[in-house]
N, C-alpha and C. Protein backbone atom coordinates (compact mmCIF):
# COMPACT_ATOMS: atom_id res chain seq x y z
N MET A 1 0.85 -1.18 0.00
CA MET A 1 0.00 0.00 0.00
C MET A 1 0.88 1.23 0.00
N SER A 2 0.64 2.13 -0.92
CA SER A 2 1.43 3.35 -0.96
C SER A 2 0.65 4.48 -0.31
N THR A 3 1.36 5.37 0.31
CA THR A 3 0.74 6.53 0.91
C THR A 3 1.42 7.77 0.38
N SER A 4 0.73 8.85 0.40
CA SER A 4 1.32 10.11 -0.02
C SER A 4 0.96 11.17 1.00
N SER A 5 1.78 12.17 1.09
CA SER A 5 1.49 13.28 1.97
C SER A 5 1.89 14.56 1.25
N GLY A 6 1.34 15.64 1.69
CA GLY A 6 1.67 16.91 1.09
C GLY A 6 0.69 17.98 1.50
N THR A 7 0.93 19.16 1.01
CA THR A 7 0.08 20.30 1.29
C THR A 7 -1.10 20.30 0.32
N ILE A 8 -2.29 20.52 0.84
CA ILE A 8 -3.49 20.56 0.02
C ILE A 8 -3.42 21.76 -0.92
N VAL A 9 -3.79 21.55 -2.18
CA VAL A 9 -3.79 22.61 -3.17
C VAL A 9 -5.16 23.29 -3.14
N SER A 10 -5.17 24.54 -2.76
CA SER A 10 -6.41 25.32 -2.75
C SER A 10 -6.27 26.44 -3.78
N ALA A 11 -7.30 27.26 -3.88
CA ALA A 11 -7.27 28.38 -4.81
C ALA A 11 -6.18 29.39 -4.44
N ALA A 12 -5.62 29.30 -3.24
CA ALA A 12 -4.54 30.20 -2.83
C ALA A 12 -3.19 29.78 -3.42
N ALA A 13 -3.08 28.56 -3.93
CA ALA A 13 -1.81 28.06 -4.46
C ALA A 13 -1.47 28.76 -5.78
N THR A 14 -0.17 28.92 -6.03
CA THR A 14 0.30 29.44 -7.30
C THR A 14 0.76 28.26 -8.13
N LEU A 15 0.18 28.12 -9.32
CA LEU A 15 0.50 27.02 -10.22
C LEU A 15 1.02 27.60 -11.53
N THR A 16 2.18 27.11 -11.98
CA THR A 16 2.73 27.55 -13.26
C THR A 16 3.16 26.34 -14.07
N CYS A 17 3.22 26.52 -15.39
CA CYS A 17 3.76 25.49 -16.25
C CYS A 17 5.28 25.55 -16.15
N PRO A 18 6.01 24.58 -16.70
CA PRO A 18 7.47 24.59 -16.59
C PRO A 18 8.12 25.79 -17.27
N HIS A 19 7.35 26.52 -18.10
CA HIS A 19 7.90 27.66 -18.84
C HIS A 19 7.47 28.99 -18.24
N GLY A 20 6.69 28.95 -17.17
CA GLY A 20 6.29 30.18 -16.49
C GLY A 20 4.88 30.65 -16.75
N GLY A 21 4.11 29.94 -17.58
CA GLY A 21 2.71 30.30 -17.79
C GLY A 21 1.90 30.03 -16.53
N ARG A 22 0.85 30.78 -16.33
CA ARG A 22 0.04 30.68 -15.12
C ARG A 22 -1.11 29.69 -15.33
N ALA A 23 -1.23 28.72 -14.42
CA ALA A 23 -2.33 27.76 -14.46
C ALA A 23 -3.38 28.15 -13.44
N SER A 24 -4.63 28.05 -13.83
CA SER A 24 -5.72 28.36 -12.90
C SER A 24 -6.89 27.42 -13.16
N ALA A 25 -7.64 27.20 -12.11
CA ALA A 25 -8.79 26.30 -12.20
C ALA A 25 -9.99 27.05 -12.72
N THR A 26 -10.72 26.39 -13.60
CA THR A 26 -11.98 26.97 -14.08
C THR A 26 -13.15 26.41 -13.29
N SER A 27 -12.84 25.46 -12.39
CA SER A 27 -13.85 24.90 -11.50
C SER A 27 -13.18 24.57 -10.17
N ALA A 28 -13.96 24.54 -9.14
CA ALA A 28 -13.46 24.20 -7.80
C ALA A 28 -14.66 23.75 -6.98
N HIS A 29 -14.41 23.39 -5.74
CA HIS A 29 -15.47 22.94 -4.84
C HIS A 29 -15.68 24.00 -3.76
N PRO A 30 -16.55 24.97 -4.01
CA PRO A 30 -16.70 26.09 -3.09
C PRO A 30 -17.20 25.70 -1.70
N ALA A 31 -17.83 24.53 -1.57
CA ALA A 31 -18.35 24.13 -0.26
C ALA A 31 -17.24 23.66 0.67
N VAL A 32 -16.10 23.23 0.10
CA VAL A 32 -14.98 22.77 0.93
C VAL A 32 -13.88 23.80 0.80
N ARG A 33 -13.51 24.41 1.95
CA ARG A 33 -12.55 25.50 1.93
C ARG A 33 -11.42 25.25 2.91
N LEU A 34 -10.28 25.83 2.57
CA LEU A 34 -9.10 25.79 3.42
C LEU A 34 -8.67 27.24 3.60
N ASP A 35 -8.73 27.73 4.82
CA ASP A 35 -8.46 29.14 5.09
C ASP A 35 -9.27 30.06 4.17
N GLY A 36 -10.52 29.68 3.92
CA GLY A 36 -11.42 30.50 3.12
C GLY A 36 -11.31 30.30 1.63
N GLN A 37 -10.38 29.48 1.16
CA GLN A 37 -10.17 29.27 -0.27
C GLN A 37 -10.70 27.89 -0.69
N PRO A 38 -11.37 27.79 -1.85
CA PRO A 38 -11.85 26.48 -2.32
C PRO A 38 -10.69 25.50 -2.49
N VAL A 39 -10.94 24.24 -2.15
CA VAL A 39 -9.97 23.16 -2.29
C VAL A 39 -10.12 22.55 -3.68
N HIS A 40 -8.99 22.22 -4.32
CA HIS A 40 -9.02 21.62 -5.65
C HIS A 40 -8.97 20.10 -5.58
N THR A 41 -9.67 19.47 -6.54
CA THR A 41 -9.67 18.01 -6.65
C THR A 41 -9.29 17.62 -8.08
N ALA A 42 -9.08 16.33 -8.29
CA ALA A 42 -8.70 15.82 -9.61
C ALA A 42 -9.78 16.07 -10.67
N SER A 43 -11.01 16.33 -10.26
CA SER A 43 -12.08 16.58 -11.24
C SER A 43 -12.11 18.03 -11.71
N ASP A 44 -11.34 18.91 -11.08
CA ASP A 44 -11.29 20.31 -11.51
C ASP A 44 -10.59 20.43 -12.86
N THR A 45 -10.98 21.43 -13.62
CA THR A 45 -10.39 21.72 -14.92
C THR A 45 -9.42 22.89 -14.77
N PHE A 46 -8.19 22.72 -15.28
CA PHE A 46 -7.17 23.76 -15.18
C PHE A 46 -6.73 24.20 -16.57
N VAL A 47 -6.64 25.51 -16.78
CA VAL A 47 -6.13 26.07 -18.02
C VAL A 47 -4.83 26.81 -17.74
N VAL A 48 -3.97 26.87 -18.75
CA VAL A 48 -2.70 27.58 -18.64
C VAL A 48 -2.73 28.76 -19.61
N THR A 49 -2.35 29.92 -19.12
CA THR A 49 -2.28 31.11 -19.97
C THR A 49 -0.89 31.74 -19.84
N GLY A 50 -0.47 32.40 -20.89
CA GLY A 50 0.79 33.13 -20.85
C GLY A 50 2.04 32.28 -20.98
N CYS A 51 1.92 31.05 -21.47
CA CYS A 51 3.09 30.19 -21.63
C CYS A 51 3.88 30.66 -22.86
N PRO A 52 5.18 30.93 -22.70
CA PRO A 52 5.98 31.43 -23.81
C PRO A 52 6.69 30.33 -24.62
N HIS A 53 6.39 29.06 -24.36
CA HIS A 53 7.12 27.96 -24.99
C HIS A 53 7.00 27.98 -26.52
N THR A 54 8.13 27.77 -27.18
CA THR A 54 8.16 27.68 -28.64
C THR A 54 8.92 26.42 -29.06
N VAL A 55 8.64 25.95 -30.25
CA VAL A 55 9.36 24.84 -30.86
C VAL A 55 9.81 25.32 -32.24
N ASP A 56 11.11 25.35 -32.47
CA ASP A 56 11.68 25.85 -33.73
C ASP A 56 11.14 27.23 -34.08
N GLY A 57 10.98 28.08 -33.08
CA GLY A 57 10.53 29.45 -33.28
C GLY A 57 9.02 29.63 -33.39
N ALA A 58 8.26 28.54 -33.43
CA ALA A 58 6.81 28.63 -33.52
C ALA A 58 6.19 28.45 -32.14
N PRO A 59 5.19 29.25 -31.79
CA PRO A 59 4.54 29.11 -30.48
C PRO A 59 3.96 27.71 -30.30
N HIS A 60 4.23 27.13 -29.16
CA HIS A 60 3.71 25.81 -28.80
C HIS A 60 3.44 25.80 -27.29
N PRO A 61 2.56 26.72 -26.83
CA PRO A 61 2.39 26.93 -25.39
C PRO A 61 1.63 25.81 -24.69
N CYS A 62 1.87 25.71 -23.41
CA CYS A 62 1.04 24.86 -22.55
C CYS A 62 -0.34 25.50 -22.48
N THR A 63 -1.39 24.68 -22.54
CA THR A 63 -2.75 25.20 -22.47
C THR A 63 -3.59 24.56 -21.38
N THR A 64 -3.21 23.34 -20.95
CA THR A 64 -3.96 22.66 -19.91
C THR A 64 -3.01 22.01 -18.91
N LEU A 65 -3.56 21.72 -17.75
CA LEU A 65 -2.84 21.04 -16.68
C LEU A 65 -3.73 19.89 -16.23
N ARG A 66 -3.16 18.68 -16.23
CA ARG A 66 -3.93 17.49 -15.83
C ARG A 66 -3.23 16.81 -14.67
N TRP A 67 -4.02 16.41 -13.69
CA TRP A 67 -3.52 15.78 -12.48
C TRP A 67 -3.81 14.29 -12.48
N SER A 68 -2.93 13.52 -11.86
CA SER A 68 -3.10 12.07 -11.70
C SER A 68 -2.77 11.69 -10.26
N PRO A 69 -3.63 12.08 -9.33
CA PRO A 69 -3.33 11.79 -7.92
C PRO A 69 -3.42 10.30 -7.62
N GLN A 70 -2.68 9.87 -6.62
CA GLN A 70 -2.73 8.48 -6.20
C GLN A 70 -4.06 8.20 -5.51
N PRO A 71 -4.58 6.99 -5.70
CA PRO A 71 -5.82 6.64 -5.00
C PRO A 71 -5.57 6.47 -3.50
N GLY A 72 -6.63 6.53 -2.75
CA GLY A 72 -6.52 6.27 -1.32
C GLY A 72 -6.40 7.51 -0.46
N GLY A 73 -6.49 8.67 -1.04
CA GLY A 73 -6.40 9.89 -0.26
C GLY A 73 -7.77 10.42 0.14
N VAL A 74 -7.79 11.64 0.57
CA VAL A 74 -9.03 12.32 0.95
C VAL A 74 -9.84 12.60 -0.30
N LEU A 75 -11.15 12.38 -0.22
CA LEU A 75 -12.04 12.59 -1.36
C LEU A 75 -13.04 13.70 -1.07
N ILE A 76 -13.40 14.44 -2.10
CA ILE A 76 -14.51 15.39 -2.05
C ILE A 76 -15.44 14.99 -3.18
N ASP A 77 -16.67 14.64 -2.86
CA ASP A 77 -17.63 14.16 -3.86
C ASP A 77 -17.03 13.05 -4.72
N GLY A 78 -16.24 12.17 -4.12
CA GLY A 78 -15.66 11.03 -4.81
C GLY A 78 -14.41 11.31 -5.60
N SER A 79 -13.93 12.55 -5.61
CA SER A 79 -12.74 12.91 -6.37
C SER A 79 -11.58 13.22 -5.42
N PRO A 80 -10.38 12.71 -5.71
CA PRO A 80 -9.24 12.93 -4.81
C PRO A 80 -8.86 14.41 -4.67
N VAL A 81 -8.58 14.82 -3.44
CA VAL A 81 -8.07 16.16 -3.17
C VAL A 81 -6.65 16.24 -3.72
N LEU A 82 -6.31 17.36 -4.35
CA LEU A 82 -4.97 17.53 -4.90
C LEU A 82 -4.00 17.97 -3.82
N LEU A 83 -2.82 17.35 -3.84
CA LEU A 83 -1.73 17.73 -2.96
C LEU A 83 -0.61 18.29 -3.81
N HIS A 84 0.26 19.10 -3.21
CA HIS A 84 1.36 19.66 -4.01
C HIS A 84 2.29 18.57 -4.52
N THR A 85 2.20 17.37 -3.95
CA THR A 85 3.00 16.23 -4.38
C THR A 85 2.28 15.33 -5.39
N SER A 86 1.03 15.64 -5.72
CA SER A 86 0.27 14.84 -6.69
C SER A 86 0.92 14.94 -8.07
N ALA A 87 0.90 13.83 -8.80
CA ALA A 87 1.46 13.81 -10.15
C ALA A 87 0.60 14.68 -11.08
N ALA A 88 1.27 15.46 -11.93
CA ALA A 88 0.57 16.31 -12.87
C ALA A 88 1.47 16.61 -14.06
N HIS A 89 0.84 16.97 -15.20
CA HIS A 89 1.59 17.35 -16.39
C HIS A 89 0.86 18.46 -17.12
N CYS A 90 1.63 19.32 -17.76
CA CYS A 90 1.09 20.37 -18.61
C CYS A 90 1.09 19.86 -20.05
N PHE A 91 0.08 20.28 -20.82
CA PHE A 91 -0.06 19.83 -22.20
C PHE A 91 -0.32 21.02 -23.12
N SER A 92 0.09 20.87 -24.37
CA SER A 92 -0.21 21.87 -25.40
C SER A 92 -1.62 21.62 -25.93
N ALA A 93 -2.07 22.52 -26.80
CA ALA A 93 -3.39 22.35 -27.41
C ALA A 93 -3.44 21.08 -28.27
N ALA A 94 -2.27 20.61 -28.76
CA ALA A 94 -2.19 19.39 -29.56
C ALA A 94 -2.00 18.16 -28.67
N HIS A 95 -2.17 18.33 -27.36
CA HIS A 95 -2.06 17.25 -26.37
C HIS A 95 -0.64 16.70 -26.25
N VAL A 96 0.35 17.54 -26.52
CA VAL A 96 1.75 17.16 -26.34
C VAL A 96 2.15 17.48 -24.90
N GLN A 97 2.69 16.49 -24.21
CA GLN A 97 3.09 16.68 -22.82
C GLN A 97 4.34 17.54 -22.75
N HIS A 98 4.29 18.58 -21.91
CA HIS A 98 5.39 19.52 -21.77
C HIS A 98 6.13 19.42 -20.45
N GLY A 99 5.66 18.62 -19.54
CA GLY A 99 6.34 18.48 -18.26
C GLY A 99 5.45 18.84 -17.09
N PRO A 100 5.98 18.63 -15.89
CA PRO A 100 5.19 18.87 -14.68
C PRO A 100 5.06 20.36 -14.36
N PRO A 101 3.97 20.72 -13.69
CA PRO A 101 3.82 22.11 -13.26
C PRO A 101 4.69 22.39 -12.04
N VAL A 102 4.82 23.67 -11.75
CA VAL A 102 5.47 24.11 -10.52
C VAL A 102 4.33 24.53 -9.58
N VAL A 103 4.30 23.94 -8.39
CA VAL A 103 3.22 24.19 -7.44
C VAL A 103 3.80 24.85 -6.19
N HIS A 104 3.29 26.04 -5.89
CA HIS A 104 3.66 26.73 -4.66
C HIS A 104 2.41 26.79 -3.79
N ALA A 105 2.26 25.79 -2.94
CA ALA A 105 1.09 25.70 -2.05
C ALA A 105 1.55 26.06 -0.65
N ASP A 106 1.06 27.16 -0.14
CA ASP A 106 1.41 27.56 1.23
C ASP A 106 0.83 26.58 2.22
N ARG A 107 1.56 26.32 3.26
CA ARG A 107 1.06 25.45 4.34
C ARG A 107 0.14 26.27 5.23
N GLN A 108 -1.13 26.23 4.86
CA GLN A 108 -2.11 27.00 5.62
C GLN A 108 -3.20 26.07 6.12
N GLY A 109 -3.62 26.29 7.32
CA GLY A 109 -4.80 25.62 7.84
C GLY A 109 -4.69 24.13 8.09
N ALA A 110 -4.39 23.35 7.05
CA ALA A 110 -4.37 21.89 7.22
C ALA A 110 -3.51 21.26 6.15
N THR A 111 -3.03 20.07 6.44
CA THR A 111 -2.35 19.26 5.45
C THR A 111 -2.97 17.89 5.46
N CYS A 112 -2.74 17.14 4.41
CA CYS A 112 -3.29 15.80 4.29
C CYS A 112 -2.15 14.79 4.39
N ARG A 113 -2.31 13.78 5.22
CA ARG A 113 -1.28 12.75 5.39
C ARG A 113 -1.88 11.38 5.24
């Protein structure tokens, strides 16, 4: 049995793609809050804006962020709560994987172990 621990990712966290574009959730669970901020789960949708990544001089920015949290953690409406240690990758509009995001989740209120 594997276990994971980490800081819960809420709307207060700063998420960026590996190239510096800003990732933000277009959905969250407003009923569950951490220090007043909605908590994010694997079912939330994340978009990336402002990614400067290019390939051979042509823009090829990150546009989405997808999470793959380990099973067995805390659930909200059946979906795993995201931790700063949860596996994730940024993708281009052509679904090309660009690498993991950078997550700056402040240790506020609670952590999940």
